Each structure stands twice: as C-alpha cells, then as structure tokens.
C-alpha atoms as a PDB file:
ATOM      1  CA  TYR A   1      60.026 130.649 152.737  1.00  0.00           C
ATOM      2  CA  TRP A   2      62.266 130.058 155.743  1.00  0.00           C
ATOM      3  CA  PRO A   3      59.595 130.964 158.333  1.00  0.00           C
ATOM      4  CA  LEU A   4      57.278 128.411 156.743  1.00  0.00           C
ATOM      5  CA  GLN A   5      59.945 125.729 157.046  1.00  0.00           C
ATOM      6  CA  GLU A   6      60.561 126.611 160.676  1.00  0.00           C
ATOM      7  CA  ALA A   7      56.825 126.512 161.399  1.00  0.00           C
ATOM      8  CA  PHE A   8      56.549 123.136 159.624  1.00  0.00           C
ATOM      9  CA  ALA A   9      59.471 121.803 161.667  1.00  0.00           C
ATOM     10  CA  LYS A  10      57.850 122.963 164.911  1.00  0.00           C
ATOM     11  CA  GLY A  11      54.520 121.388 163.911  1.00  0.00           C
ATOM     12  CA  LEU A  12      52.620 124.652 163.786  1.00  0.00           C
ATOM     13  CA  LEU A  13      51.303 124.016 160.242  1.00  0.00           C
ATOM     14  CA  LYS A  14      48.237 121.838 160.007  1.00  0.00           C
ATOM     15  CA  PRO A  15      46.069 120.736 157.082  1.00  0.00           C
ATOM     16  CA  GLY A  16      43.389 123.253 156.155  1.00  0.00           C
ATOM     17  CA  MET A  17      45.137 126.273 157.628  1.00  0.00           C
ATOM     18  CA  ASN A  18      46.600 127.534 154.326  1.00  0.00           C
ATOM     19  CA  VAL A  19      44.190 128.155 151.449  1.00  0.00           C
ATOM     20  CA  LEU A  20      45.243 129.396 147.994  1.00  0.00           C
ATOM     21  CA  VAL A  21      43.286 132.548 147.137  1.00  0.00           C
ATOM     22  CA  ASP A  22      43.253 134.172 143.680  1.00  0.00           C
ATOM     23  CA  LYS A  23      44.110 137.833 143.901  1.00  0.00           C
ATOM     24  CA  PRO A  24      41.647 139.959 141.936  1.00  0.00           C
ATOM     25  CA  LYS A  25      43.106 141.753 138.935  1.00  0.00           C
ATOM     26  CA  LYS A  26      43.318 145.488 139.360  1.00  0.00           C
ATOM     27  CA  LEU A  27      41.795 147.315 136.422  1.00  0.00           C
ATOM     28  CA  VAL A  28      43.348 150.614 135.397  1.00  0.00           C
ATOM     29  CA  ASN A  29      41.098 153.102 133.610  1.00  0.00           C
ATOM     30  CA  ASN A  30      43.547 155.709 132.360  1.00  0.00           C
ATOM     31  CA  VAL A  31      41.090 158.103 130.775  1.00  0.00           C
ATOM     32  CA  GLU A  32      43.667 160.783 130.043  1.00  0.00           C
ATOM     33  CA  GLY A  33      45.968 158.371 128.263  1.00  0.00           C
ATOM     34  CA  LEU A  34      43.170 157.013 126.113  1.00  0.00           C
ATOM     35  CA  LYS A  35      42.124 160.521 125.116  1.00  0.00           C
ATOM     36  CA  GLN A  36      45.735 161.343 124.148  1.00  0.00           C
ATOM     37  CA  CYS A  37      45.947 158.271 121.915  1.00  0.00           C
ATOM     38  CA  LEU A  38      42.637 159.144 120.291  1.00  0.00           C
ATOM     39  CA  ALA A  39      43.877 162.677 119.620  1.00  0.00           C
ATOM     40  CA  ASP A  40      47.021 161.298 117.990  1.00  0.00           C
ATOM     41  CA  PHE A  41      44.900 159.137 115.701  1.00  0.00           C
ATOM     42  CA  ARG A  42      42.856 162.152 114.689  1.00  0.00           C
ATOM     43  CA  LYS A  43      45.827 164.215 113.503  1.00  0.00           C
ATOM     44  CA  ASP A  44      45.425 165.200 109.875  1.00  0.00           C
ATOM     45  CA  LEU A  45      48.927 164.305 108.647  1.00  0.00           C
ATOM     46  CA  PRO A  46      49.859 164.037 104.954  1.00  0.00           C
ATOM     47  CA  TRP A  47      49.826 160.572 103.392  1.00  0.00           C
ATOM     48  CA  VAL A  48      53.612 160.603 103.004  1.00  0.00           C
ATOM     49  CA  GLU A  49      53.931 160.689 106.776  1.00  0.00           C
ATOM     50  CA  ARG A  50      51.336 157.960 107.305  1.00  0.00           C
ATOM     51  CA  LEU A  51      51.837 155.608 104.315  1.00  0.00           C
ATOM     52  CA  ASP A  52      48.593 153.794 105.077  1.00  0.00           C
ATOM     53  CA  LEU A  53      46.171 152.271 102.624  1.00  0.00           C
ATOM     54  CA  THR A  54      42.867 150.514 103.072  1.00  0.00           C
ATOM     55  CA  ASN A  55      41.617 148.636 100.058  1.00  0.00           C
ATOM     56  CA  LEU A  56      40.013 145.443  98.867  1.00  0.00           C
ATOM     57  CA  PRO A  57      42.020 142.616  97.324  1.00  0.00           C
ATOM     58  CA  ALA A  58      42.678 142.451  93.604  1.00  0.00           C
ATOM     59  CA  GLU A  59      40.079 140.694  91.499  1.00  0.00           C
ATOM     60  CA  ASP A  60      40.512 136.938  91.547  1.00  0.00           C
ATOM     61  CA  ILE A  61      39.187 134.996  88.570  1.00  0.00           C
ATOM     62  CA  ILE A  62      39.779 131.609  90.203  1.00  0.00           C
ATOM     63  CA  PHE A  63      38.130 131.885  93.627  1.00  0.00           C
ATOM     64  CA  GLN A  64      34.854 133.783  93.431  1.00  0.00           C
ATOM     65  CA  GLU A  65      33.772 132.892  96.975  1.00  0.00           C
ATOM     66  CA  LEU A  66      36.173 132.781  99.916  1.00  0.00           C
ATOM     67  CA  ASN A  67      36.119 129.812 102.269  1.00  0.00           C
ATOM     68  CA  ALA A  68      37.631 130.931 105.581  1.00  0.00           C
ATOM     69  CA  ASP A  69      38.419 127.332 106.577  1.00  0.00           C
ATOM     70  CA  ASP A  70      40.541 126.774 103.456  1.00  0.00           C
ATOM     71  CA  ASP A  71      44.129 127.708 104.289  1.00  0.00           C
ATOM     72  CA  PHE A  72      45.157 128.052 100.654  1.00  0.00           C
ATOM     73  CA  GLN A  73      42.286 130.405  99.782  1.00  0.00           C
ATOM     74  CA  ARG A  74      42.924 132.466 102.887  1.00  0.00           C
ATOM     75  CA  GLU A  75      46.620 132.912 102.088  1.00  0.00           C
ATOM     76  CA  MET A  76      45.736 133.717  98.479  1.00  0.00           C
ATOM     77  CA  PHE A  77      43.326 136.406  99.741  1.00  0.00           C
ATOM     78  CA  PHE A  78      46.148 138.061 101.710  1.00  0.00           C
ATOM     79  CA  TYR A  79      48.403 137.875  98.670  1.00  0.00           C
ATOM     80  CA  ARG A  80      45.813 139.478  96.385  1.00  0.00           C
ATOM     81  CA  GLN A  81      45.170 142.249  98.934  1.00  0.00           C
ATOM     82  CA  ALA A  82      48.895 143.037  99.153  1.00  0.00           C
ATOM     83  CA  GLN A  83      49.062 143.055  95.347  1.00  0.00           C
ATOM     84  CA  ALA A  84      46.220 145.570  95.138  1.00  0.00           C
ATOM     85  CA  THR A  85      47.948 147.747  97.774  1.00  0.00           C
ATOM     86  CA  VAL A  86      51.198 147.789  95.773  1.00  0.00           C
ATOM     87  CA  LEU A  87      49.357 148.738  92.561  1.00  0.00           C
ATOM     88  CA  GLU A  88      47.705 151.643  94.363  1.00  0.00           C
ATOM     89  CA  ALA A  89      50.755 152.792  96.390  1.00  0.00           C
ATOM     90  CA  LEU A  90      53.337 152.917  93.575  1.00  0.00           C
ATOM     91  CA  PRO A  91      51.643 155.775  91.657  1.00  0.00           C
ATOM     92  CA  LEU A  92      51.252 157.751  94.914  1.00  0.00           C
ATOM     93  CA  LEU A  93      54.924 157.299  95.776  1.00  0.00           C
ATOM     94  CA  ASN A  94      55.997 158.376  92.297  1.00  0.00           C
ATOM     95  CA  LYS A  95      53.651 161.403  92.575  1.00  0.00           C
ATOM     96  CA  HIS A  96      55.341 162.561  95.814  1.00  0.00           C
ATOM     97  CA  GLY A  97      58.825 162.023  94.385  1.00  0.00           C
ATOM     98  CA  ILE A  98      59.727 159.043  96.554  1.00  0.00           C
ATOM     99  CA  ALA A  99      62.119 156.596  94.861  1.00  0.00           C
ATOM    100  CA  THR A 100      60.889 153.036  94.705  1.00  0.00           C
ATOM    101  CA  ARG A 101      63.938 151.448  93.035  1.00  0.00           C
ATOM    102  CA  ARG A 102      67.392 150.954  94.518  1.00  0.00           C
ATOM    103  CA  PRO A 103      70.182 152.721  92.562  1.00  0.00           C
ATOM    104  CA  ASP A 104      72.935 150.641  90.962  1.00  0.00           C
ATOM    105  CA  ASP A 105      75.659 152.150  93.180  1.00  0.00           C
ATOM    106  CA  TYR A 106      73.677 151.710  96.383  1.00  0.00           C
ATOM    107  CA  PHE A 107      75.783 150.437  99.278  1.00  0.00           C
ATOM    108  CA  ALA A 108      74.231 149.186 102.474  1.00  0.00           C
ATOM    109  CA  GLU A 109      75.737 147.381 105.417  1.00  0.00           C
ATOM    110  CA  MET A 110      74.689 143.784 105.726  1.00  0.00           C
ATOM    111  CA  ALA A 111      72.462 142.749 108.576  1.00  0.00           C
ATOM    112  CA  LYS A 112      75.044 140.115 109.597  1.00  0.00           C
ATOM    113  CA  SER A 113      78.655 140.940 110.451  1.00  0.00           C
ATOM    114  CA  ASP A 114      81.660 139.728 108.478  1.00  0.00           C
ATOM    115  CA  GLN A 115      82.688 137.380 111.304  1.00  0.00           C
ATOM    116  CA  HIS A 116      79.290 135.725 111.265  1.00  0.00           C
ATOM    117  CA  MET A 117      79.453 135.334 107.483  1.00  0.00           C
ATOM    118  CA  GLN A 118      82.939 133.800 107.806  1.00  0.00           C
ATOM    119  CA  LYS A 119      81.554 131.238 110.250  1.00  0.00           C
ATOM    120  CA  ILE A 120      78.750 130.443 107.815  1.00  0.00           C
ATOM    121  CA  ARG A 121      81.262 130.119 104.990  1.00  0.00           C
ATOM    122  CA  LYS A 122      83.446 127.740 107.028  1.00  0.00           C
ATOM    123  CA  LYS A 123      80.379 125.690 107.918  1.00  0.00           C
ATOM    124  CA  LEU A 124      79.344 125.425 104.287  1.00  0.00           C
ATOM    125  CA  ILE A 125      82.882 124.467 103.245  1.00  0.00           C
ATOM    126  CA  SER A 126      83.032 121.774 105.940  1.00  0.00           C
ATOM    127  CA  LYS A 127      79.680 120.345 104.778  1.00  0.00           C
ATOM    128  CA  GLN A 128      80.906 120.348 101.193  1.00  0.00           C
ATOM    129  CA  MET A 129      84.104 118.539 102.209  1.00  0.00           C
ATOM    130  CA  ILE A 130      82.085 115.941 104.129  1.00  0.00           C
ATOM    131  CA  LEU A 131      79.917 115.349 101.061  1.00  0.00           C
ATOM    132  CA  GLU A 132      83.003 115.040  98.847  1.00  0.00           C
ATOM    133  CA  LYS A 133      84.592 112.546 101.254  1.00  0.00           C
ATOM    134  CA  SER A 134      81.380 110.554 101.322  1.00  0.00           C
ATOM    135  CA  GLU A 135      81.217 110.474  97.523  1.00  0.00           C
ATOM    136  CA  LYS A 136      84.890 109.512  97.335  1.00  0.00           C
ATOM    137  CA  ALA A 137      84.397 106.694  99.833  1.00  0.00           C
ATOM    138  CA  LYS A 138      81.388 105.486  97.854  1.00  0.00           C
ATOM    139  CA  LYS A 139      83.422 105.475  94.634  1.00  0.00           C
ATOM    140  CA  LEU A 140      86.248 103.603  96.375  1.00  0.00           C
ATOM    141  CA  ARG A 141      83.806 100.960  97.593  1.00  0.00           C
ATOM    142  CA  GLU A 142      82.458 100.566  94.070  1.00  0.00           C
ATOM    143  CA  GLN A 143      86.000 100.351  92.661  1.00  0.00           C
ATOM    144  CA  ARG A 144      86.902  97.730  95.264  1.00  0.00           C
ATOM    145  CA  LYS A 145      83.867  95.674  94.308  1.00  0.00           C
ATOM    146  CA  PHE A 146      84.733  96.013  90.628  1.00  0.00           C
ATOM    147  CA  GLY A 147      88.420  95.286  91.316  1.00  0.00           C
ATOM    148  CA  LYS A 148      87.504  92.193  93.308  1.00  0.00           C
ATOM    149  CA  LYS A 149      85.314  91.028  90.454  1.00  0.00           C
ATOM    150  CA  VAL A 150      88.122  91.614  87.951  1.00  0.00           C
ATOM    151  CA  GLN A 151      90.566  89.819  90.257  1.00  0.00           C
ATOM    152  CA  ILE A 152      88.270  86.789  90.452  1.00  0.00           C
ATOM    153  CA  GLU A 153      87.963  86.769  86.658  1.00  0.00           C
ATOM    154  CA  VAL A 154      91.768  86.958  86.291  1.00  0.00           C
ATOM    155  CA  ILE A 155      92.243  84.086  88.760  1.00  0.00           C
ATOM    156  CA  GLN A 156      89.684  81.973  86.926  1.00  0.00           C
ATOM    157  CA  LYS A 157      91.365  82.768  83.612  1.00  0.00           C
ATOM    158  CA  ARG A 158      94.764  81.762  85.003  1.00  0.00           C
ATOM    159  CA  GLN A 159      93.346  78.522  86.377  1.00  0.00           C
ATOM    160  CA  LYS A 160      91.794  77.792  82.991  1.00  0.00           C
ATOM    161  CA  GLU A 161      95.105  78.497  81.207  1.00  0.00           C
ATOM    162  CA  LYS A 162      96.975  76.336  83.718  1.00  0.00           C
ATOM    163  CA  LYS A 163      94.534  73.481  83.196  1.00  0.00           C
ATOM    164  CA  ALA A 164      94.878  73.785  79.425  1.00  0.00           C
ATOM    165  CA  MET A 165      98.690  73.816  79.701  1.00  0.00           C
ATOM    166  CA  MET A 166      98.727  70.736  81.945  1.00  0.00           C
ATOM    167  CA  SER A 167      96.471  68.970  79.480  1.00  0.00           C
ATOM    168  CA  ALA A 168      98.807  69.930  76.623  1.00  0.00           C
ATOM    169  CA  VAL A 169     101.856  68.737  78.601  1.00  0.00           C
ATOM    170  CA  LYS A 170     100.200  65.380  79.269  1.00  0.00           C
ATOM    171  CA  LYS A 171      99.365  65.010  75.581  1.00  0.00           C
ATOM    172  CA  TYR A 172     102.970  65.811  74.682  1.00  0.00           C
ATOM    173  CA  GLN A 173     104.279  63.276  77.204  1.00  0.00           C
ATOM    174  CA  LYS A 174     101.976  60.622  75.805  1.00  0.00           C
ATOM    175  CA  GLY A 175     103.166  61.392  72.281  1.00  0.00           C
ATOM    176  CA  MET A 176      99.780  62.611  71.067  1.00  0.00           C
ATOM    177  CA  THR A 177     101.408  65.799  69.770  1.00  0.00           C
ATOM    178  CA  ASP A 178     104.942  66.984  69.028  1.00  0.00           C
ATOM    179  CA  LYS A 179     104.255  70.708  69.237  1.00  0.00           C
ATOM    180  CA  LEU A 180     105.567  72.896  72.061  1.00  0.00           C
ATOM    181  CA  ASP A 181     103.347  75.884  71.384  1.00  0.00           C
ATOM    182  CA  PHE A 182     101.801  75.664  74.857  1.00  0.00           C
ATOM    183  CA  LEU A 183     105.132  76.795  76.336  1.00  0.00           C
ATOM    184  CA  GLU A 184     104.737  80.108  74.537  1.00  0.00           C
ATOM    185  CA  GLY A 185     101.079  80.534  75.549  1.00  0.00           C
ATOM    186  CA  ASP A 186      99.824  79.983  71.988  1.00  0.00           C
ATOM    187  CA  GLN A 187      97.912  76.816  72.727  1.00  0.00           C
ATOM    188  CA  LYS A 188      94.341  76.621  71.570  1.00  0.00           C
ATOM    189  CA  SER A 189      91.602  75.714  73.986  1.00  0.00           C
ATOM    190  CA  GLY A 190      89.204  72.821  73.963  1.00  0.00           C
ATOM    191  CA  LYS A 191      88.178  71.266  70.690  1.00  0.00           C
ATOM    192  CA  ASP A 192      90.541  73.248  68.457  1.00  0.00           C
ATOM    193  CA  SER A 193      93.661  71.979  70.234  1.00  0.00           C
ATOM    194  CA  ALA A 194      92.430  68.377  70.153  1.00  0.00           C
ATOM    195  CA  GLN A 195      91.557  68.657  66.484  1.00  0.00           C
ATOM    196  CA  GLY A 196      94.940  70.198  65.734  1.00  0.00           C
ATOM    197  CA  SER A 197      96.776  67.407  67.542  1.00  0.00           C
ATOM    198  CA  LYS A 198      94.810  64.762  65.606  1.00  0.00           C
ATOM    199  CA  ASN A 199      95.630  66.464  62.321  1.00  0.00           C
ATOM    200  CA  ALA A 200      99.291  66.592  63.279  1.00  0.00           C
ATOM    201  CA  LEU A 201      99.279  62.876  64.046  1.00  0.00           C
ATOM    202  CA  ASN A 202      97.613  62.090  60.744  1.00  0.00           C
ATOM    203  CA  LYS A 203     100.069  64.214  58.754  1.00  0.00           C
ATOM    204  CA  LYS A 204     103.423  63.668  60.499  1.00  0.00           C
ATOM    205  CA  GLY A 205     102.839  60.370  62.242  1.00  0.00           C
ATOM    206  CA  PRO A 206     103.842  59.513  65.822  1.00  0.00           C
ATOM    207  CA  SER A 207     106.694  61.328  67.515  1.00  0.00           C
ATOM    208  CA  ALA A 208     110.115  59.824  68.202  1.00  0.00           C
ATOM    209  CA  LYS A 209     109.223  59.311  71.845  1.00  0.00           C
ATOM    210  CA  ARG A 210     106.053  57.496  70.890  1.00  0.00           C
ATOM    211  CA  LYS A 211     107.962  55.306  68.450  1.00  0.00           C
ATOM    212  CA  TYR A 212     110.489  54.392  71.120  1.00  0.00           C
ATOM    213  CA  LYS A 213     107.769  53.483  73.613  1.00  0.00           C
ATOM    214  CA  ASP A 214     105.909  51.490  70.981  1.00  0.00           C
ATOM    215  CA  GLN A 215     109.094  49.640  70.157  1.00  0.00           C
ATOM    216  CA  LYS A 216     109.838  48.977  73.830  1.00  0.00           C
ATOM    217  CA  PHE A 217     106.398  48.186  75.207  1.00  0.00           C
ATOM    218  CA  GLY A 218     104.421  47.387  72.078  1.00  0.00           C
ATOM    219  CA  PHE A 219     100.927  48.484  71.170  1.00  0.00           C
ATOM    220  CA  GLY A 220      98.996  46.482  73.699  1.00  0.00           C
ATOM    221  CA  GLY A 221      97.245  43.192  73.197  1.00  0.00           C
ATOM    222  CA  LYS A 222      98.962  39.798  73.344  1.00  0.00           C
ATOM    223  CA  LYS A 223     102.605  39.994  74.455  1.00  0.00           C
ATOM    224  CA  SER A 224     103.525  36.337  74.820  1.00  0.00           C
ATOM    225  CA  GLY A 225     105.515  34.810  72.006  1.00  0.00           C
ATOM    226  CA  LYS A 226     106.577  38.105  70.477  1.00  0.00           C
ATOM    227  CA  LYS A 227     110.285  37.322  70.892  1.00  0.00           C
ATOM    228  CA  TRP A 228     110.064  33.894  69.391  1.00  0.00           C
ATOM    229  CA  ASN A 229     112.125  33.274  66.311  1.00  0.00           C
ATOM    230  CA  THR A 230     110.464  32.842  63.025  1.00  0.00           C
ATOM    231  CA  LYS A 231     111.740  31.353  59.846  1.00  0.00           C
ATOM    232  CA  ASP A 232     112.718  34.725  58.477  1.00  0.00           C
ATOM    233  CA  SER A 233     114.413  35.856  61.674  1.00  0.00           C
ATOM    234  CA  TYR A 234     116.281  32.578  61.913  1.00  0.00           C
ATOM    235  CA  ASN A 235     117.650  32.912  58.416  1.00  0.00           C
ATOM    236  CA  ASP A 236     118.516  36.621  58.838  1.00  0.00           C
ATOM    237  CA  VAL A 237     122.136  36.870  60.033  1.00  0.00           C
ATOM    238  CA  SER A 238     122.842  40.375  58.758  1.00  0.00           C
ATOM    239  CA  SER A 239     123.150  41.848  62.251  1.00  0.00           C
ATOM    240  CA  PHE A 240     125.576  39.182  63.459  1.00  0.00           C
ATOM    241  CA  ARG A 241     129.123  40.407  64.283  1.00  0.00           C
ATOM    242  CA  ALA A 242     131.702  37.791  64.989  1.00  0.00           C
ATOM    243  CA  LYS A 243     134.125  40.199  66.653  1.00  0.00           C
ATOM    244  CA  VAL A 244     131.487  41.408  69.094  1.00  0.00           C
ATOM    245  CA  ALA A 245     129.950  38.040  69.893  1.00  0.00           C
ATOM    246  CA  HIS A 246     131.473  36.473  73.045  1.00  0.00           C
ATOM    247  CA  ALA A 247     134.232  39.147  73.041  1.00  0.00           C
ATOM    248  CA  LYS A 248     136.275  37.236  70.451  1.00  0.00           C
ATOM    249  CA  GLY A 249     138.369  38.615  67.654  1.00  0.00           C
ATOM    250  CA  GLY A 250     141.550  40.648  67.284  1.00  0.00           C
ATOM    251  CA  LYS A 251     140.202  43.892  68.730  1.00  0.00           C
ATOM    252  CA  GLY A 252     137.520  42.561  70.988  1.00  0.00           C
ATOM    253  CA  GLY A 253     137.570  43.794  74.582  1.00  0.00           C
ATOM    254  CA  LYS A 254     140.011  45.976  76.483  1.00  0.00           C
ATOM    255  CA  LYS A 255     143.440  44.607  77.309  1.00  0.00           C
ATOM    256  CA  GLY A 256     146.067  45.830  79.676  1.00  0.00           C
ATOM    257  CA  LYS A 257     149.858  45.425  79.661  1.00  0.00           C
ATOM    258  CA  GLY A 258     151.245  42.222  78.168  1.00  0.00           C
ATOM    259  CA  GLY A 259     148.140  41.637  76.095  1.00  0.00           C
ATOM    260  CA  LYS A 260     146.155  40.407  79.063  1.00  0.00           C
ATOM    261  CA  GLN A 261     142.555  41.454  79.430  1.00  0.00           C
ATOM    262  CA  ASN A 262     141.768  43.759  82.336  1.00  0.00           C
ATOM    263  CA  LYS A 263     139.699  42.193  85.041  1.00  0.00           C
ATOM    264  CA  ARG A 264     137.463  43.889  87.584  1.00  0.00           C
ATOM    265  CA  PRO A 265     139.104  44.061  91.032  1.00  0.00           C
ATOM    266  CA  GLY A 266     137.578  42.063  93.818  1.00  0.00           C
ATOM    267  CA  LYS A 267     135.180  43.321  96.443  1.00  0.00           C
ATOM    268  CA  SER A 268     137.761  43.731  99.201  1.00  0.00           C
ATOM    269  CA  VAL A 269     140.091  45.616  96.853  1.00  0.00           C
ATOM    270  CA  ARG A 270     137.272  47.927  95.814  1.00  0.00           C
ATOM    271  CA  ARG A 271     136.506  48.662  99.494  1.00  0.00           C
ATOM    272  CA  LYS A 272     140.175  49.548 100.141  1.00  0.00           C
ATOM    273  CA  MET A 273     140.227  51.800  97.090  1.00  0.00           C
ATOM    274  CA  LYS A 274     137.061  53.513  98.249  1.00  0.00           C
ATOM    275  CA  ALA A 275     138.452  54.030 101.765  1.00  0.00           C
ATOM    276  CA  ARG A 276     141.622  55.599 100.338  1.00  0.00           C
ATOM    277  CA  SER A 277     139.669  58.010  98.234  1.00  0.00           C
END
C-alpha cells in the first residue's frame, strides 16, 4: 500500500498500467478424503446409532395434489412428513428400550443463566410498571375531565341559587312576600315560588312594610288633592289635643328652673361648647 502511494506521489503510476485480473480458483480433488467419507456412509451400524428414517408424508385428506408455489401447502407437506416420521419412530424407540417421556423428577439446567433471567425479570417488571403508570395517568386525566365537568355544574348550580335568592330578596323588599325561607335555602324555584308568594298575598294580605309604603307614597295614580279636607275630615276632631297644639297647656313643653321654658343656645354658644368638648 505504501509503495503504491510513493509511486503515485513520484508520478510513476499512469492510467492503463494497472489492470484488475481475476485469479482462477484452485480446485482440490481429494480422492482419498472422498473415499473415506463414502466408506463411513457404508458402515452397517444399528438403527439406534443412526436414528434415521426415510418415509413419505402422512395421508392428507385436504390437499390431494401439492402445489410447490403455494407456501401454505409446502409447509403443510413438511408438517405431515414429520408427523409420519414420529408415528414410525416411536414404536422403534419403545422396542429398543429408549425412553421417550421425561420423568416427573427430571432436573435439567436451563439454557440461560440465572443472571440473564434476572435481567429479563427486571425488564418485564419495568415494562409492567410503565404500563401501570400510563393507565394511572389516563385515569387521572379522565377524573380531571369529570371533576372539571362536576365543578362547572356546581358553579352553575350556585349561580342559579344565587339568582333565585336575589329574586326572593327583591320580592321581600317590595313587599310581595313576607316569608324568609330563602335565607334557609328552602326557597322554591321559578313558578312555584311565584305562585306561593301570590297565594300568601291573597291569604294574609300585604306586609307591614308594604302597608307603610302604601300609606306614605300611595298606590299610584293621581296624587294632587289627596290632602285636601273633606266634609267628614273637617268635622272629625277626635285626634285634636289641646295640650299638644301650639305647646300650650299645663304640661306642654320642657321648662327649666323658675318655670321658664328652655331655649336652644345660639350659634356662637354652640360653637364654643363644641370647641370645649
């Protein structure tokens, strides 16, 4: 290799000088060796030493003619031939006293060492753990999806309850109902609560708050002239109290020392009192 590189560097190699030539294969005719092999084949040894059988395959009732291009038929042919060999060899083995079944207490060393089997066992355990983790993660994802769905349903339910409670509070403030069941979470939803409030109004009448507002603001409609006196109101003097009217009478008003009525201090005095305090 190196001389060729040196020759190439010096420019001694030129195209066409080196031609690849196939070396003829040397044939060896070992006549003595072939005769020895032929003599070994011709030895008349007992069948127990040879254990060879030449037979046709077992009879096949499915495939009468064999198609060599059909892989399935070809493999089935080999299987049937092996089956016929076993059926012929078992009686011969039993005849020569050769056991064909393994005894129950037979102990044989495994083809693979214990260390190799431990590695296989660890590998199988690791695969099993990976599968278990994958299944666990899948279940957790499903539980999260289900939990999220349940959480959304709970939030919607709370919003619905809150809306119903606010509606009940507004109805109570307006005097449409006098029940406080919504504070305990026993309010009915929708039509039932409205129907119940209407029934309560029909049976018990308006609440005290509603009566006060009706008395103060009225029921709507025309407001002018409502405080005008009528003939009946003019003649009705049952609510008149002489002692209260204009702060007259023996016990009317608050009096200080000497029987004089207390007066409110002036503005400047009130400022001085406030500054002192």
